[in-house]
Structure formats: structure tokens, C-alpha cells
Amino acid sequence: MRDLALIILDIITMLFKKSTIIQGPSMEPTLFEGEMYYLNKAKNLKIGDIVVAEGIGSKGRVVKRITKITQKRNMKYYNLFGDNKNNSRNFVNVPESYITYKLGKPLHSTIFLREMRIDGNK
């Protein structure tokens, strides 16, 4: 019953708040494929933040961690790397205009799935 309630809550919430679903293994072990996260405005970005960039890569939208910020002629550029060192495409000198969102909190169903994964590994 709790599972169904969380899924319904997430569906209703997704109608009113921007969210994304993690695709691929590039951010493991921090984020896992299929997990869902709220999205916040991309402001006050710093090294270590996980962001969504659009218009780069073959998928058009990627979720990566900021590893370096540089400023050139009043424009900020970001190096974006995945946490999975063995399976991640990385991007350097991504213009600020391509960073559309900062990753927010996980949706309720993601928290529940993580708990199940942890319990299943004990």
C-alpha cells in the first residue's frame, strides 16, 4: 500500500514541479538509472553541484557533476563529469547557457527504491 501511495504522490507532484529521471550509469554510485529527482533553477552553481545540461552529448540532456568553473570574457564555463570513472562521458568548457537545472531532492519513490536496494544487499 505504501508503494502505491508513493507512486501516486510522485505522479501528482511531477505535474506541478519539474523533475528528471536518471538515464544510464554515468553518475553511479551517487545516482542510479531510473531514480527521479526534482529540478531547481540553475543559480549560484559551485563545484560539486549536480546539474542538468541541455544541447550537449548525443542524448541532448545530461546529468553531471560540476568539477571546474572558469570565467572568460564575462561568461562562465563548466567542466561536467560523471561520478562513474569507468563509464562516463565528460564535457569540458560547457557554456553557462547550457546548464538548465540544478538537481534537487529525490522523489519519494526514489527514496523507497533505495531503501529496498539497501535492504536487499544485507
C-alpha atoms as a PDB file:
ATOM      1  CA  MET A   1       0.000   0.000   0.000  1.00  0.00           C
ATOM      2  CA  ARG A   2       2.856   2.367   0.836  1.00  0.00           C
ATOM      3  CA  ASP A   3       4.354   1.694  -2.617  1.00  0.00           C
ATOM      4  CA  LEU A   4       1.182   2.712  -4.406  1.00  0.00           C
ATOM      5  CA  ALA A   5       0.740   5.829  -2.271  1.00  0.00           C
ATOM      6  CA  LEU A   6       4.311   6.961  -3.037  1.00  0.00           C
ATOM      7  CA  ILE A   7       3.870   6.414  -6.762  1.00  0.00           C
ATOM      8  CA  ILE A   8       0.606   8.367  -6.789  1.00  0.00           C
ATOM      9  CA  LEU A   9       2.192  11.180  -4.758  1.00  0.00           C
ATOM     10  CA  ASP A  10       5.114  11.341  -7.197  1.00  0.00           C
ATOM     11  CA  ILE A  11       2.844  11.415 -10.251  1.00  0.00           C
ATOM     12  CA  ILE A  12       0.795  14.265  -8.802  1.00  0.00           C
ATOM     13  CA  THR A  13       3.933  16.161  -7.774  1.00  0.00           C
ATOM     14  CA  MET A  14       5.510  15.718 -11.218  1.00  0.00           C
ATOM     15  CA  LEU A  15       2.516  17.526 -12.738  1.00  0.00           C
ATOM     16  CA  PHE A  16       3.395  20.683 -10.812  1.00  0.00           C
ATOM     17  CA  LYS A  17       7.179  20.544 -10.330  1.00  0.00           C
ATOM     18  CA  LYS A  18       9.946  19.931 -12.831  1.00  0.00           C
ATOM     19  CA  SER A  19      11.708  16.604 -12.413  1.00  0.00           C
ATOM     20  CA  THR A  20      14.022  14.250 -14.279  1.00  0.00           C
ATOM     21  CA  ILE A  21      14.687  10.537 -14.467  1.00  0.00           C
ATOM     22  CA  ILE A  22      18.317   9.410 -14.340  1.00  0.00           C
ATOM     23  CA  GLN A  23      19.294   7.557 -17.502  1.00  0.00           C
ATOM     24  CA  GLY A  24      22.426   5.454 -17.749  1.00  0.00           C
ATOM     25  CA  PRO A  25      25.205   4.542 -15.295  1.00  0.00           C
ATOM     26  CA  SER A  26      27.434   7.615 -15.618  1.00  0.00           C
ATOM     27  CA  MET A  27      26.570   9.023 -12.173  1.00  0.00           C
ATOM     28  CA  GLU A  28      26.828   5.761 -10.196  1.00  0.00           C
ATOM     29  CA  PRO A  29      27.374   5.211  -7.308  1.00  0.00           C
ATOM     30  CA  THR A  30      25.767   8.580  -6.460  1.00  0.00           C
ATOM     31  CA  LEU A  31      22.699   8.338  -8.707  1.00  0.00           C
ATOM     32  CA  PHE A  32      21.241   5.212 -10.276  1.00  0.00           C
ATOM     33  CA  GLU A  33      19.331   4.663 -13.509  1.00  0.00           C
ATOM     34  CA  GLY A  34      15.580   5.080 -13.052  1.00  0.00           C
ATOM     35  CA  GLU A  35      15.808   7.316  -9.993  1.00  0.00           C
ATOM     36  CA  MET A  36      13.747  10.503 -10.128  1.00  0.00           C
ATOM     37  CA  TYR A  37      14.796  13.911  -8.817  1.00  0.00           C
ATOM     38  CA  TYR A  38      13.235  17.345  -8.554  1.00  0.00           C
ATOM     39  CA  LEU A  39      14.916  20.101 -10.558  1.00  0.00           C
ATOM     40  CA  ASN A  40      15.785  23.539  -9.229  1.00  0.00           C
ATOM     41  CA  LYS A  41      16.781  26.678 -11.113  1.00  0.00           C
ATOM     42  CA  ALA A  42      20.430  26.726 -12.134  1.00  0.00           C
ATOM     43  CA  LYS A  43      21.672  29.551  -9.934  1.00  0.00           C
ATOM     44  CA  ASN A  44      24.569  30.007  -7.514  1.00  0.00           C
ATOM     45  CA  LEU A  45      26.300  26.993  -9.037  1.00  0.00           C
ATOM     46  CA  LYS A  46      29.501  25.729  -7.447  1.00  0.00           C
ATOM     47  CA  ILE A  47      31.963  22.894  -7.856  1.00  0.00           C
ATOM     48  CA  GLY A  48      30.362  19.656  -6.683  1.00  0.00           C
ATOM     49  CA  ASP A  49      26.807  20.561  -7.701  1.00  0.00           C
ATOM     50  CA  ILE A  50      24.983  18.058  -9.892  1.00  0.00           C
ATOM     51  CA  VAL A  51      23.349  19.781 -12.845  1.00  0.00           C
ATOM     52  CA  VAL A  52      21.322  19.130 -15.970  1.00  0.00           C
ATOM     53  CA  ALA A  53      22.854  20.406 -19.209  1.00  0.00           C
ATOM     54  CA  GLU A  54      20.893  20.551 -22.447  1.00  0.00           C
ATOM     55  CA  GLY A  55      22.143  20.601 -26.009  1.00  0.00           C
ATOM     56  CA  ILE A  56      25.322  18.601 -25.398  1.00  0.00           C
ATOM     57  CA  GLY A  57      26.020  14.948 -25.955  1.00  0.00           C
ATOM     58  CA  SER A  58      24.106  12.547 -28.140  1.00  0.00           C
ATOM     59  CA  LYS A  59      21.099  12.372 -25.784  1.00  0.00           C
ATOM     60  CA  GLY A  60      20.548  16.121 -25.731  1.00  0.00           C
ATOM     61  CA  ARG A  61      20.211  16.199 -21.924  1.00  0.00           C
ATOM     62  CA  VAL A  62      22.847  15.024 -19.475  1.00  0.00           C
ATOM     63  CA  VAL A  63      23.132  14.913 -15.685  1.00  0.00           C
ATOM     64  CA  LYS A  64      26.696  15.509 -14.464  1.00  0.00           C
ATOM     65  CA  ARG A  65      28.710  16.971 -11.596  1.00  0.00           C
ATOM     66  CA  ILE A  66      30.481  20.324 -11.898  1.00  0.00           C
ATOM     67  CA  THR A  67      34.229  19.753 -11.466  1.00  0.00           C
ATOM     68  CA  LYS A  68      35.606  23.098 -12.618  1.00  0.00           C
ATOM     69  CA  ILE A  69      34.309  26.606 -13.302  1.00  0.00           C
ATOM     70  CA  THR A  70      36.196  29.125 -15.438  1.00  0.00           C
ATOM     71  CA  GLN A  71      35.380  32.664 -16.458  1.00  0.00           C
ATOM     72  CA  LYS A  72      36.281  34.042 -19.886  1.00  0.00           C
ATOM     73  CA  ARG A  73      35.116  37.444 -21.104  1.00  0.00           C
ATOM     74  CA  ASN A  74      32.186  37.773 -18.687  1.00  0.00           C
ATOM     75  CA  MET A  75      30.998  34.232 -19.467  1.00  0.00           C
ATOM     76  CA  LYS A  76      31.189  31.182 -17.195  1.00  0.00           C
ATOM     77  CA  TYR A  77      32.178  27.749 -18.482  1.00  0.00           C
ATOM     78  CA  TYR A  78      31.818  24.447 -16.657  1.00  0.00           C
ATOM     79  CA  ASN A  79      33.577  21.095 -16.752  1.00  0.00           C
ATOM     80  CA  LEU A  80      30.971  18.375 -16.208  1.00  0.00           C
ATOM     81  CA  PHE A  81      31.993  14.851 -15.218  1.00  0.00           C
ATOM     82  CA  GLY A  82      30.092  11.744 -14.186  1.00  0.00           C
ATOM     83  CA  ASP A  83      30.839  10.042 -10.873  1.00  0.00           C
ATOM     84  CA  ASN A  84      31.354   6.670 -12.584  1.00  0.00           C
ATOM     85  CA  LYS A  85      35.011   6.822 -13.578  1.00  0.00           C
ATOM     86  CA  ASN A  86      34.689   3.648 -15.713  1.00  0.00           C
ATOM     87  CA  ASN A  87      31.536   4.545 -17.611  1.00  0.00           C
ATOM     88  CA  SER A  88      31.009   8.255 -18.119  1.00  0.00           C
ATOM     89  CA  ARG A  89      31.293  10.721 -20.947  1.00  0.00           C
ATOM     90  CA  ASN A  90      32.691  14.002 -19.679  1.00  0.00           C
ATOM     91  CA  PHE A  91      32.273  17.501 -21.062  1.00  0.00           C
ATOM     92  CA  VAL A  92      34.661  20.462 -20.777  1.00  0.00           C
ATOM     93  CA  ASN A  93      34.084  24.177 -21.299  1.00  0.00           C
ATOM     94  CA  VAL A  94      30.291  23.920 -21.345  1.00  0.00           C
ATOM     95  CA  PRO A  95      28.820  27.447 -21.601  1.00  0.00           C
ATOM     96  CA  GLU A  96      26.657  28.628 -18.725  1.00  0.00           C
ATOM     97  CA  SER A  97      23.649  28.927 -21.034  1.00  0.00           C
ATOM     98  CA  TYR A  98      23.617  25.122 -21.486  1.00  0.00           C
ATOM     99  CA  ILE A  99      23.175  24.495 -17.745  1.00  0.00           C
ATOM    100  CA  THR A 100      19.413  24.471 -17.320  1.00  0.00           C
ATOM    101  CA  TYR A 101      18.819  22.996 -13.868  1.00  0.00           C
ATOM    102  CA  LYS A 102      20.455  22.013 -10.613  1.00  0.00           C
ATOM    103  CA  LEU A 103      19.467  18.600  -9.277  1.00  0.00           C
ATOM    104  CA  GLY A 104      17.212  18.812  -6.246  1.00  0.00           C
ATOM    105  CA  LYS A 105      15.857  16.281  -3.762  1.00  0.00           C
ATOM    106  CA  PRO A 106      14.848  12.765  -4.804  1.00  0.00           C
ATOM    107  CA  LEU A 107      11.185  11.973  -5.334  1.00  0.00           C
ATOM    108  CA  HIS A 108       9.572   9.763  -2.673  1.00  0.00           C
ATOM    109  CA  SER A 109       9.611   6.641  -4.823  1.00  0.00           C
ATOM    110  CA  THR A 110      13.373   7.028  -5.347  1.00  0.00           C
ATOM    111  CA  ILE A 111      13.941   7.067  -1.587  1.00  0.00           C
ATOM    112  CA  PHE A 112      11.773   3.958  -1.257  1.00  0.00           C
ATOM    113  CA  LEU A 113      13.647   2.142  -4.060  1.00  0.00           C
ATOM    114  CA  ARG A 114      16.999   2.980  -2.458  1.00  0.00           C
ATOM    115  CA  GLU A 115      15.791   1.572   0.862  1.00  0.00           C
ATOM    116  CA  MET A 116      14.742  -1.625  -0.908  1.00  0.00           C
ATOM    117  CA  ARG A 117      18.122  -1.869  -2.662  1.00  0.00           C
ATOM    118  CA  ILE A 118      19.994  -1.412   0.641  1.00  0.00           C
ATOM    119  CA  ASP A 119      17.773  -3.934   2.450  1.00  0.00           C
ATOM    120  CA  GLY A 120      18.223  -6.409  -0.397  1.00  0.00           C
ATOM    121  CA  ASN A 121      22.032  -6.207  -0.121  1.00  0.00           C
ATOM    122  CA  LYS A 122      22.165  -7.038   3.583  1.00  0.00           C
END
